Amino acid sequence: MIRYLRTFVIAAQTSSFSAAGMKLGLTQSAVSIQIRKLEEEFGTMLFERTGKSVSLSDAGQALLPDAIHMLDLYDRMKGASQGSSDSRPIDLGAISTVQAALLPKALRSFRSHFPNVHINIIPGMSTQLLTQIDAKELDIAVIIKPRLGIPPDLKWILLIEEHYVVVLPADWPQDLPLLAGTLPFIRYNRNSYGGHIVDRYLKQHHLWVQDGMELDEPSVILEMVSEGLGWSIIPGGLVPLITTKGIATLPLPGRPLSREIGVLVRVSTLKRRTTALLIDSLREEAKRRQGIGHAAQAAGNAP
């Protein structure tokens, strides 16, 4: 009905069904059909037709002010609805690696479109953030992919696949069994999903390490290694392997070890323009980071 009322108002303003059609992107025939259905609904003739020209009937003139008022009211309601959705704060959960590596540039891109939207960033491990988004305490969580299935009211969007690497002080021999037997191991927290992957790998490959310390942040582990405090196995996609001085890296023997980082979001939340753009910004930044990593790897493998 709103669509028909809009056609009625434009036809009244232009005194022409063809001109109204051009303005609305409709054929003259479609305008005529809409006006006829509107006349059937009101039980009165709204226009007097004379050849190719039309003019408002007395009933049409009486209805025109109310039609204009209804359209104005509808447009205000629609604008208010969109505005409230676009200005609503976003509660964003993110693991620490994502906060340091992806969020700054992704949020800069997001801010260029929505400068006034408040974003509340909640830190935590993947298991904690998964619980919070399941309890509807978060709008979005950027986490390691859950091992269990994704509920139907949530959607998983992959951002990046990180491969694990051995990191060691640059002045140490690049020999994994020697490292395990002589240098303290800086362990990725076993309570985190990423650390659990490392612990399982060590057991499967019978690598018995000398535990030196245990941390839950790969970039901090990297700094510890650069100070010569030990060696470690960490996901290498989002930490500054290239720019950190005093380290060397080794590929892990056996099948590649990796983890997927992505966005877990409620399906209903995806309908908000702000949410959709924030996810797009995260995806673009993840793609940019992967491109840099691939280029550096190619340069490192060049003769």
C-alpha atoms as a PDB file:
ATOM      1  CA  MET A   1       0.000   0.000   0.000  1.00  0.00           C
ATOM      2  CA  ILE A   2       2.834   2.446   0.782  1.00  0.00           C
ATOM      3  CA  ARG A   3       4.246   1.827  -2.685  1.00  0.00           C
ATOM      4  CA  TYR A   4       0.881   2.583  -4.288  1.00  0.00           C
ATOM      5  CA  LEU A   5       0.451   5.752  -2.217  1.00  0.00           C
ATOM      6  CA  ARG A   6       3.881   6.955  -3.358  1.00  0.00           C
ATOM      7  CA  THR A   7       2.872   6.364  -6.975  1.00  0.00           C
ATOM      8  CA  PHE A   8      -0.367   8.267  -6.361  1.00  0.00           C
ATOM      9  CA  VAL A   9       1.451  11.294  -4.920  1.00  0.00           C
ATOM     10  CA  ILE A  10       4.028  11.446  -7.738  1.00  0.00           C
ATOM     11  CA  ALA A  11       1.287  11.086 -10.377  1.00  0.00           C
ATOM     12  CA  ALA A  12      -0.661  13.911  -8.715  1.00  0.00           C
ATOM     13  CA  GLN A  13       2.433  16.136  -8.649  1.00  0.00           C
ATOM     14  CA  THR A  14       3.348  15.487 -12.294  1.00  0.00           C
ATOM     15  CA  SER A  15      -0.256  15.246 -13.699  1.00  0.00           C
ATOM     16  CA  SER A  16       1.030  12.379 -15.848  1.00  0.00           C
ATOM     17  CA  PHE A  17       1.227   8.619 -15.427  1.00  0.00           C
ATOM     18  CA  SER A  18       4.128   8.402 -17.880  1.00  0.00           C
ATOM     19  CA  ALA A  19       6.096  11.140 -16.068  1.00  0.00           C
ATOM     20  CA  ALA A  20       5.383   9.443 -12.732  1.00  0.00           C
ATOM     21  CA  GLY A  21       6.617   6.170 -14.205  1.00  0.00           C
ATOM     22  CA  MET A  22       9.882   7.744 -15.368  1.00  0.00           C
ATOM     23  CA  LYS A  23      10.446   9.204 -11.911  1.00  0.00           C
ATOM     24  CA  LEU A  24       9.711   5.918 -10.153  1.00  0.00           C
ATOM     25  CA  GLY A  25      11.379   3.599 -12.650  1.00  0.00           C
ATOM     26  CA  LEU A  26       8.044   2.069 -13.708  1.00  0.00           C
ATOM     27  CA  THR A  27       6.254   1.705 -17.015  1.00  0.00           C
ATOM     28  CA  GLN A  28       3.153   3.786 -17.642  1.00  0.00           C
ATOM     29  CA  SER A  29       1.128   0.577 -17.578  1.00  0.00           C
ATOM     30  CA  ALA A  30       2.482  -0.332 -14.119  1.00  0.00           C
ATOM     31  CA  VAL A  31       1.533   3.116 -12.817  1.00  0.00           C
ATOM     32  CA  SER A  32      -1.979   2.730 -14.213  1.00  0.00           C
ATOM     33  CA  ILE A  33      -2.362  -0.688 -12.560  1.00  0.00           C
ATOM     34  CA  GLN A  34      -1.214   0.640  -9.175  1.00  0.00           C
ATOM     35  CA  ILE A  35      -3.572   3.619  -9.340  1.00  0.00           C
ATOM     36  CA  ARG A  36      -6.471   1.361 -10.346  1.00  0.00           C
ATOM     37  CA  LYS A  37      -5.795  -0.975  -7.388  1.00  0.00           C
ATOM     38  CA  LEU A  38      -5.647   2.020  -5.070  1.00  0.00           C
ATOM     39  CA  GLU A  39      -8.969   3.263  -6.439  1.00  0.00           C
ATOM     40  CA  GLU A  40     -10.475  -0.177  -5.850  1.00  0.00           C
ATOM     41  CA  GLU A  41      -9.170  -0.136  -2.281  1.00  0.00           C
ATOM     42  CA  PHE A  42     -10.708   3.299  -1.553  1.00  0.00           C
ATOM     43  CA  GLY A  43     -13.826   2.687  -3.629  1.00  0.00           C
ATOM     44  CA  THR A  44     -13.520   5.966  -5.511  1.00  0.00           C
ATOM     45  CA  MET A  45     -11.883   7.429  -8.609  1.00  0.00           C
ATOM     46  CA  LEU A  46      -8.715   9.361  -7.773  1.00  0.00           C
ATOM     47  CA  PHE A  47      -7.937  10.739 -11.250  1.00  0.00           C
ATOM     48  CA  GLU A  48      -9.972  11.992 -14.180  1.00  0.00           C
ATOM     49  CA  ARG A  49      -8.511  10.686 -17.427  1.00  0.00           C
ATOM     50  CA  THR A  50      -8.683  12.835 -20.551  1.00  0.00           C
ATOM     51  CA  GLY A  51      -6.728  11.259 -23.401  1.00  0.00           C
ATOM     52  CA  LYS A  52      -3.100  11.034 -22.288  1.00  0.00           C
ATOM     53  CA  SER A  53      -3.433  13.607 -19.496  1.00  0.00           C
ATOM     54  CA  VAL A  54      -4.740  13.043 -15.969  1.00  0.00           C
ATOM     55  CA  SER A  55      -5.915  15.353 -13.225  1.00  0.00           C
ATOM     56  CA  LEU A  56      -6.969  14.749  -9.641  1.00  0.00           C
ATOM     57  CA  SER A  57     -10.630  14.141  -8.987  1.00  0.00           C
ATOM     58  CA  ASP A  58     -12.333  15.788  -6.028  1.00  0.00           C
ATOM     59  CA  ALA A  59     -11.773  12.610  -4.008  1.00  0.00           C
ATOM     60  CA  GLY A  60      -8.136  12.509  -5.060  1.00  0.00           C
ATOM     61  CA  GLN A  61      -7.607  16.112  -3.976  1.00  0.00           C
ATOM     62  CA  ALA A  62      -9.179  15.314  -0.614  1.00  0.00           C
ATOM     63  CA  LEU A  63      -6.931  12.283  -0.088  1.00  0.00           C
ATOM     64  CA  LEU A  64      -3.653  13.835  -1.305  1.00  0.00           C
ATOM     65  CA  PRO A  65      -2.673  15.692   1.946  1.00  0.00           C
ATOM     66  CA  ASP A  66      -3.242  12.535   4.019  1.00  0.00           C
ATOM     67  CA  ALA A  67      -1.241  10.445   1.537  1.00  0.00           C
ATOM     68  CA  ILE A  68       1.690  12.888   1.724  1.00  0.00           C
ATOM     69  CA  HIS A  69       1.493  12.855   5.536  1.00  0.00           C
ATOM     70  CA  MET A  70       1.492   9.049   5.653  1.00  0.00           C
ATOM     71  CA  LEU A  71       4.534   8.839   3.366  1.00  0.00           C
ATOM     72  CA  ASP A  72       6.426  11.386   5.460  1.00  0.00           C
ATOM     73  CA  LEU A  73       5.582   9.449   8.610  1.00  0.00           C
ATOM     74  CA  TYR A  74       6.660   6.150   7.018  1.00  0.00           C
ATOM     75  CA  ASP A  75       9.970   7.633   5.830  1.00  0.00           C
ATOM     76  CA  ARG A  76      10.688   9.039   9.309  1.00  0.00           C
ATOM     77  CA  MET A  77       9.902   5.685  10.931  1.00  0.00           C
ATOM     78  CA  LYS A  78      12.125   3.860   8.458  1.00  0.00           C
ATOM     79  CA  GLY A  79      14.977   6.326   8.942  1.00  0.00           C
ATOM     80  CA  ALA A  80      14.695   6.127  12.737  1.00  0.00           C
ATOM     81  CA  SER A  81      14.775   2.339  12.625  1.00  0.00           C
ATOM     82  CA  GLN A  82      17.902   2.258  10.447  1.00  0.00           C
ATOM     83  CA  GLY A  83      19.548   5.010  12.440  1.00  0.00           C
ATOM     84  CA  SER A  84      19.055   3.263  15.781  1.00  0.00           C
ATOM     85  CA  SER A  85      20.488   0.027  14.380  1.00  0.00           C
ATOM     86  CA  ASP A  86      23.499   1.784  12.863  1.00  0.00           C
ATOM     87  CA  SER A  87      24.274   3.769  16.009  1.00  0.00           C
ATOM     88  CA  ARG A  88      23.884   0.876  18.448  1.00  0.00           C
ATOM     89  CA  PRO A  89      27.107   0.029  20.361  1.00  0.00           C
ATOM     90  CA  ILE A  90      28.919  -3.168  19.350  1.00  0.00           C
ATOM     91  CA  ASP A  91      30.233  -5.605  21.953  1.00  0.00           C
ATOM     92  CA  LEU A  92      33.202  -7.271  20.262  1.00  0.00           C
ATOM     93  CA  GLY A  93      35.057 -10.156  21.868  1.00  0.00           C
ATOM     94  CA  ALA A  94      38.551 -10.918  20.576  1.00  0.00           C
ATOM     95  CA  ILE A  95      41.494 -13.061  21.566  1.00  0.00           C
ATOM     96  CA  SER A  96      44.643 -11.077  22.344  1.00  0.00           C
ATOM     97  CA  THR A  97      46.449 -12.001  19.118  1.00  0.00           C
ATOM     98  CA  VAL A  98      43.578 -10.602  17.064  1.00  0.00           C
ATOM     99  CA  GLN A  99      43.447  -7.430  19.166  1.00  0.00           C
ATOM    100  CA  ALA A 100      47.097  -6.690  18.468  1.00  0.00           C
ATOM    101  CA  ALA A 101      47.323  -7.836  14.844  1.00  0.00           C
ATOM    102  CA  LEU A 102      43.972  -7.334  13.100  1.00  0.00           C
ATOM    103  CA  LEU A 103      41.836  -4.877  15.046  1.00  0.00           C
ATOM    104  CA  PRO A 104      43.762  -1.580  14.729  1.00  0.00           C
ATOM    105  CA  LYS A 105      43.692  -1.342  10.932  1.00  0.00           C
ATOM    106  CA  ALA A 106      40.320  -3.084  10.597  1.00  0.00           C
ATOM    107  CA  LEU A 107      38.745  -0.571  12.985  1.00  0.00           C
ATOM    108  CA  ARG A 108      40.376   2.336  11.169  1.00  0.00           C
ATOM    109  CA  SER A 109      38.610   1.176   7.997  1.00  0.00           C
ATOM    110  CA  PHE A 110      35.338   0.707   9.896  1.00  0.00           C
ATOM    111  CA  ARG A 111      35.594   4.177  11.466  1.00  0.00           C
ATOM    112  CA  SER A 112      35.762   5.821   8.042  1.00  0.00           C
ATOM    113  CA  HIS A 113      32.136   4.696   7.531  1.00  0.00           C
ATOM    114  CA  PHE A 114      30.760   4.777  11.078  1.00  0.00           C
ATOM    115  CA  PRO A 115      32.844   7.272  13.085  1.00  0.00           C
ATOM    116  CA  ASN A 116      30.381   7.553  15.986  1.00  0.00           C
ATOM    117  CA  VAL A 117      29.611   3.903  16.734  1.00  0.00           C
ATOM    118  CA  HIS A 118      30.942   2.883  20.158  1.00  0.00           C
ATOM    119  CA  ILE A 119      32.828  -0.434  20.145  1.00  0.00           C
ATOM    120  CA  ASN A 120      33.364  -2.227  23.437  1.00  0.00           C
ATOM    121  CA  ILE A 121      36.274  -4.682  23.024  1.00  0.00           C
ATOM    122  CA  ILE A 122      36.181  -7.610  25.443  1.00  0.00           C
ATOM    123  CA  PRO A 123      39.387  -9.688  25.785  1.00  0.00           C
ATOM    124  CA  GLY A 124      39.453 -13.380  26.583  1.00  0.00           C
ATOM    125  CA  MET A 125      40.418 -16.852  25.466  1.00  0.00           C
ATOM    126  CA  SER A 126      38.335 -18.509  22.770  1.00  0.00           C
ATOM    127  CA  THR A 127      36.482 -20.766  25.200  1.00  0.00           C
ATOM    128  CA  GLN A 128      35.437 -17.803  27.348  1.00  0.00           C
ATOM    129  CA  LEU A 129      34.287 -15.693  24.395  1.00  0.00           C
ATOM    130  CA  LEU A 130      32.365 -18.629  22.935  1.00  0.00           C
ATOM    131  CA  THR A 131      30.413 -18.900  26.194  1.00  0.00           C
ATOM    132  CA  GLN A 132      29.722 -15.159  26.187  1.00  0.00           C
ATOM    133  CA  ILE A 133      28.394 -15.030  22.638  1.00  0.00           C
ATOM    134  CA  ASP A 134      26.266 -18.109  23.326  1.00  0.00           C
ATOM    135  CA  ALA A 135      24.808 -16.252  26.329  1.00  0.00           C
ATOM    136  CA  LYS A 136      24.114 -13.215  24.068  1.00  0.00           C
ATOM    137  CA  GLU A 137      26.562 -11.072  26.038  1.00  0.00           C
ATOM    138  CA  LEU A 138      28.544 -10.363  22.842  1.00  0.00           C
ATOM    139  CA  ASP A 139      27.490  -9.371  19.312  1.00  0.00           C
ATOM    140  CA  ILE A 140      30.630 -10.760  17.649  1.00  0.00           C
ATOM    141  CA  ALA A 141      33.546 -12.894  18.801  1.00  0.00           C
ATOM    142  CA  VAL A 142      36.828 -13.245  16.885  1.00  0.00           C
ATOM    143  CA  ILE A 143      38.188 -16.546  18.122  1.00  0.00           C
ATOM    144  CA  ILE A 144      39.775 -19.865  17.222  1.00  0.00           C
ATOM    145  CA  LYS A 145      37.228 -22.092  15.499  1.00  0.00           C
ATOM    146  CA  PRO A 146      35.348 -24.163  18.077  1.00  0.00           C
ATOM    147  CA  ARG A 147      35.953 -27.910  17.975  1.00  0.00           C
ATOM    148  CA  LEU A 148      32.255 -28.622  18.460  1.00  0.00           C
ATOM    149  CA  GLY A 149      29.588 -27.878  15.848  1.00  0.00           C
ATOM    150  CA  ILE A 150      28.271 -24.370  15.273  1.00  0.00           C
ATOM    151  CA  PRO A 151      24.664 -23.875  16.522  1.00  0.00           C
ATOM    152  CA  PRO A 152      22.164 -22.917  13.778  1.00  0.00           C
ATOM    153  CA  ASP A 153      21.620 -19.412  15.215  1.00  0.00           C
ATOM    154  CA  LEU A 154      25.354 -18.658  14.899  1.00  0.00           C
ATOM    155  CA  LYS A 155      27.519 -18.287  11.795  1.00  0.00           C
ATOM    156  CA  TRP A 156      31.246 -18.995  11.447  1.00  0.00           C
ATOM    157  CA  ILE A 157      33.234 -16.782   9.029  1.00  0.00           C
ATOM    158  CA  LEU A 158      36.865 -17.771   8.452  1.00  0.00           C
ATOM    159  CA  LEU A 159      39.408 -14.940   8.565  1.00  0.00           C
ATOM    160  CA  ILE A 160      42.793 -16.633   8.502  1.00  0.00           C
ATOM    161  CA  GLU A 161      44.448 -20.042   8.869  1.00  0.00           C
ATOM    162  CA  GLU A 162      47.593 -19.836  10.975  1.00  0.00           C
ATOM    163  CA  HIS A 163      50.343 -22.450  10.692  1.00  0.00           C
ATOM    164  CA  TYR A 164      52.409 -23.275  13.776  1.00  0.00           C
ATOM    165  CA  VAL A 165      56.178 -22.865  13.667  1.00  0.00           C
ATOM    166  CA  VAL A 166      59.135 -23.502  15.930  1.00  0.00           C
ATOM    167  CA  VAL A 167      60.716 -20.266  17.167  1.00  0.00           C
ATOM    168  CA  LEU A 168      64.167 -20.302  18.746  1.00  0.00           C
ATOM    169  CA  PRO A 169      66.986 -17.870  19.548  1.00  0.00           C
ATOM    170  CA  ALA A 170      68.909 -17.006  16.391  1.00  0.00           C
ATOM    171  CA  ASP A 171      72.260 -18.146  17.823  1.00  0.00           C
ATOM    172  CA  TRP A 172      71.068 -21.679  18.602  1.00  0.00           C
ATOM    173  CA  PRO A 173      71.518 -24.692  16.289  1.00  0.00           C
ATOM    174  CA  GLN A 174      68.370 -25.340  14.284  1.00  0.00           C
ATOM    175  CA  ASP A 175      67.950 -28.876  15.575  1.00  0.00           C
ATOM    176  CA  LEU A 176      64.594 -29.733  17.149  1.00  0.00           C
ATOM    177  CA  PRO A 177      65.673 -32.748  19.299  1.00  0.00           C
ATOM    178  CA  LEU A 178      68.640 -30.718  20.586  1.00  0.00           C
ATOM    179  CA  LEU A 179      66.354 -27.809  21.479  1.00  0.00           C
ATOM    180  CA  ALA A 180      63.932 -30.071  23.308  1.00  0.00           C
ATOM    181  CA  GLY A 181      66.710 -31.637  25.345  1.00  0.00           C
ATOM    182  CA  THR A 182      68.749 -28.575  26.294  1.00  0.00           C
ATOM    183  CA  LEU A 183      66.801 -25.283  26.072  1.00  0.00           C
ATOM    184  CA  PRO A 184      63.822 -24.347  28.304  1.00  0.00           C
ATOM    185  CA  PHE A 185      60.457 -24.626  26.550  1.00  0.00           C
ATOM    186  CA  ILE A 186      58.167 -21.587  26.674  1.00  0.00           C
ATOM    187  CA  ARG A 187      54.777 -23.204  26.561  1.00  0.00           C
ATOM    188  CA  TYR A 188      51.644 -21.783  24.971  1.00  0.00           C
ATOM    189  CA  ASN A 189      49.025 -21.986  27.736  1.00  0.00           C
ATOM    190  CA  ARG A 190      47.509 -25.476  27.771  1.00  0.00           C
ATOM    191  CA  ASN A 191      44.170 -24.090  29.017  1.00  0.00           C
ATOM    192  CA  SER A 192      43.728 -22.324  25.678  1.00  0.00           C
ATOM    193  CA  TYR A 193      42.650 -24.177  22.554  1.00  0.00           C
ATOM    194  CA  GLY A 194      45.813 -23.059  20.708  1.00  0.00           C
ATOM    195  CA  GLY A 195      48.003 -24.318  23.553  1.00  0.00           C
ATOM    196  CA  HIS A 196      46.124 -27.607  23.654  1.00  0.00           C
ATOM    197  CA  ILE A 197      47.060 -28.146  19.986  1.00  0.00           C
ATOM    198  CA  VAL A 198      50.759 -27.708  20.857  1.00  0.00           C
ATOM    199  CA  ASP A 199      50.566 -30.023  23.864  1.00  0.00           C
ATOM    200  CA  ARG A 200      48.905 -32.734  21.760  1.00  0.00           C
ATOM    201  CA  TYR A 201      51.560 -32.341  19.028  1.00  0.00           C
ATOM    202  CA  LEU A 202      54.420 -32.765  21.515  1.00  0.00           C
ATOM    203  CA  LYS A 203      52.882 -35.953  22.894  1.00  0.00           C
ATOM    204  CA  GLN A 204      52.146 -37.416  19.456  1.00  0.00           C
ATOM    205  CA  HIS A 205      55.754 -36.819  18.340  1.00  0.00           C
ATOM    206  CA  HIS A 206      57.282 -37.929  21.661  1.00  0.00           C
ATOM    207  CA  LEU A 207      59.033 -34.599  22.142  1.00  0.00           C
ATOM    208  CA  TRP A 208      59.824 -34.334  25.844  1.00  0.00           C
ATOM    209  CA  VAL A 209      60.564 -30.706  26.661  1.00  0.00           C
ATOM    210  CA  GLN A 210      61.993 -28.849  29.647  1.00  0.00           C
ATOM    211  CA  ASP A 211      59.205 -26.504  30.709  1.00  0.00           C
ATOM    212  CA  GLY A 212      60.539 -23.060  31.536  1.00  0.00           C
ATOM    213  CA  MET A 213      57.395 -20.915  31.613  1.00  0.00           C
ATOM    214  CA  GLU A 214      53.788 -20.907  30.359  1.00  0.00           C
ATOM    215  CA  LEU A 215      52.038 -17.931  28.725  1.00  0.00           C
ATOM    216  CA  ASP A 216      48.775 -17.345  26.897  1.00  0.00           C
ATOM    217  CA  GLU A 217      49.955 -14.731  24.373  1.00  0.00           C
ATOM    218  CA  PRO A 218      52.017 -15.811  21.303  1.00  0.00           C
ATOM    219  CA  SER A 219      53.487 -12.351  20.698  1.00  0.00           C
ATOM    220  CA  VAL A 220      54.804 -12.220  24.291  1.00  0.00           C
ATOM    221  CA  ILE A 221      56.233 -15.721  23.887  1.00  0.00           C
ATOM    222  CA  LEU A 222      58.020 -14.455  20.785  1.00  0.00           C
ATOM    223  CA  GLU A 223      59.602 -11.630  22.787  1.00  0.00           C
ATOM    224  CA  MET A 224      60.742 -14.091  25.434  1.00  0.00           C
ATOM    225  CA  VAL A 225      62.413 -16.213  22.766  1.00  0.00           C
ATOM    226  CA  SER A 226      64.111 -13.149  21.280  1.00  0.00           C
ATOM    227  CA  GLU A 227      65.665 -12.514  24.710  1.00  0.00           C
ATOM    228  CA  GLY A 228      67.167 -16.010  24.664  1.00  0.00           C
ATOM    229  CA  LEU A 229      64.924 -17.343  27.449  1.00  0.00           C
ATOM    230  CA  GLY A 230      63.924 -20.487  25.580  1.00  0.00           C
ATOM    231  CA  TRP A 231      62.207 -21.857  22.498  1.00  0.00           C
ATOM    232  CA  SER A 232      58.567 -22.409  21.642  1.00  0.00           C
ATOM    233  CA  ILE A 233      55.943 -23.613  19.187  1.00  0.00           C
ATOM    234  CA  ILE A 234      53.405 -20.926  18.328  1.00  0.00           C
ATOM    235  CA  PRO A 235      50.965 -20.019  15.545  1.00  0.00           C
ATOM    236  CA  GLY A 236      52.921 -17.748  13.220  1.00  0.00           C
ATOM    237  CA  GLY A 237      50.325 -16.025  11.063  1.00  0.00           C
ATOM    238  CA  LEU A 238      49.525 -13.004  13.250  1.00  0.00           C
ATOM    239  CA  VAL A 239      52.739 -12.490  15.231  1.00  0.00           C
ATOM    240  CA  PRO A 240      55.636 -10.320  13.956  1.00  0.00           C
ATOM    241  CA  LEU A 241      58.018 -13.117  12.981  1.00  0.00           C
ATOM    242  CA  ILE A 242      59.637 -11.019  10.253  1.00  0.00           C
ATOM    243  CA  THR A 243      60.407  -7.945  12.342  1.00  0.00           C
ATOM    244  CA  THR A 244      61.324  -9.558  15.667  1.00  0.00           C
ATOM    245  CA  LYS A 245      65.110  -9.539  16.078  1.00  0.00           C
ATOM    246  CA  GLY A 246      67.168 -12.342  17.537  1.00  0.00           C
ATOM    247  CA  ILE A 247      64.952 -15.238  16.492  1.00  0.00           C
ATOM    248  CA  ALA A 248      64.957 -18.018  13.923  1.00  0.00           C
ATOM    249  CA  THR A 249      62.116 -20.255  12.792  1.00  0.00           C
ATOM    250  CA  LEU A 250      61.811 -23.907  11.872  1.00  0.00           C
ATOM    251  CA  PRO A 251      58.932 -25.702  10.182  1.00  0.00           C
ATOM    252  CA  LEU A 252      57.336 -28.396  12.308  1.00  0.00           C
ATOM    253  CA  PRO A 253      58.041 -31.979  11.216  1.00  0.00           C
ATOM    254  CA  GLY A 254      55.106 -34.119  10.146  1.00  0.00           C
ATOM    255  CA  ARG A 255      51.682 -32.964   9.031  1.00  0.00           C
ATOM    256  CA  PRO A 256      51.253 -29.163   9.044  1.00  0.00           C
ATOM    257  CA  LEU A 257      49.830 -27.921  12.331  1.00  0.00           C
ATOM    258  CA  SER A 258      47.362 -25.070  12.023  1.00  0.00           C
ATOM    259  CA  ARG A 259      44.413 -23.312  13.594  1.00  0.00           C
ATOM    260  CA  GLU A 260      41.568 -21.320  12.062  1.00  0.00           C
ATOM    261  CA  ILE A 261      40.724 -17.858  13.363  1.00  0.00           C
ATOM    262  CA  GLY A 262      37.422 -16.347  12.387  1.00  0.00           C
ATOM    263  CA  VAL A 263      34.292 -14.519  13.389  1.00  0.00           C
ATOM    264  CA  LEU A 264      31.476 -16.147  15.315  1.00  0.00           C
ATOM    265  CA  VAL A 265      28.365 -14.011  15.029  1.00  0.00           C
ATOM    266  CA  ARG A 266      24.651 -14.366  15.632  1.00  0.00           C
ATOM    267  CA  VAL A 267      22.740 -14.721  12.340  1.00  0.00           C
ATOM    268  CA  SER A 268      20.271 -12.035  13.428  1.00  0.00           C
ATOM    269  CA  THR A 269      23.123  -9.604  14.151  1.00  0.00           C
ATOM    270  CA  LEU A 270      24.415  -9.928  10.581  1.00  0.00           C
ATOM    271  CA  LYS A 271      21.422  -7.888   9.394  1.00  0.00           C
ATOM    272  CA  ARG A 272      22.908  -4.757  10.975  1.00  0.00           C
ATOM    273  CA  ARG A 273      24.948  -2.674   8.529  1.00  0.00           C
ATOM    274  CA  THR A 274      27.540  -1.902  11.191  1.00  0.00           C
ATOM    275  CA  THR A 275      28.106  -5.580  11.972  1.00  0.00           C
ATOM    276  CA  ALA A 276      28.410  -6.539   8.301  1.00  0.00           C
ATOM    277  CA  LEU A 277      30.931  -3.752   7.632  1.00  0.00           C
ATOM    278  CA  LEU A 278      33.002  -4.605  10.704  1.00  0.00           C
ATOM    279  CA  ILE A 279      33.283  -8.212   9.524  1.00  0.00           C
ATOM    280  CA  ASP A 280      34.231  -7.050   6.006  1.00  0.00           C
ATOM    281  CA  SER A 281      36.945  -4.817   7.511  1.00  0.00           C
ATOM    282  CA  LEU A 282      38.338  -7.744   9.508  1.00  0.00           C
ATOM    283  CA  ARG A 283      38.361  -9.960   6.413  1.00  0.00           C
ATOM    284  CA  GLU A 284      40.207  -7.352   4.350  1.00  0.00           C
ATOM    285  CA  GLU A 285      42.854  -6.868   7.032  1.00  0.00           C
ATOM    286  CA  ALA A 286      43.306 -10.637   7.415  1.00  0.00           C
ATOM    287  CA  LYS A 287      43.745 -10.933   3.649  1.00  0.00           C
ATOM    288  CA  ARG A 288      46.320  -8.131   3.696  1.00  0.00           C
ATOM    289  CA  ARG A 289      48.258  -9.804   6.514  1.00  0.00           C
ATOM    290  CA  GLN A 290      48.264 -13.136   4.702  1.00  0.00           C
ATOM    291  CA  GLY A 291      49.567 -11.437   1.555  1.00  0.00           C
ATOM    292  CA  ILE A 292      52.473  -9.941   3.497  1.00  0.00           C
ATOM    293  CA  GLY A 293      53.222 -13.332   5.074  1.00  0.00           C
ATOM    294  CA  HIS A 294      53.253 -15.143   1.736  1.00  0.00           C
ATOM    295  CA  ALA A 295      55.516 -12.505   0.192  1.00  0.00           C
ATOM    296  CA  ALA A 296      57.961 -12.749   3.094  1.00  0.00           C
ATOM    297  CA  GLN A 297      57.967 -16.541   2.896  1.00  0.00           C
ATOM    298  CA  ALA A 298      58.691 -16.422  -0.839  1.00  0.00           C
ATOM    299  CA  ALA A 299      61.535 -13.971  -0.247  1.00  0.00           C
ATOM    300  CA  GLY A 300      62.945 -16.181   2.482  1.00  0.00           C
ATOM    301  CA  ASN A 301      62.889 -19.242   0.206  1.00  0.00           C
ATOM    302  CA  ALA A 302      64.538 -17.420  -2.718  1.00  0.00           C
ATOM    303  CA  PRO A 303      68.114 -18.538  -3.528  1.00  0.00           C
END
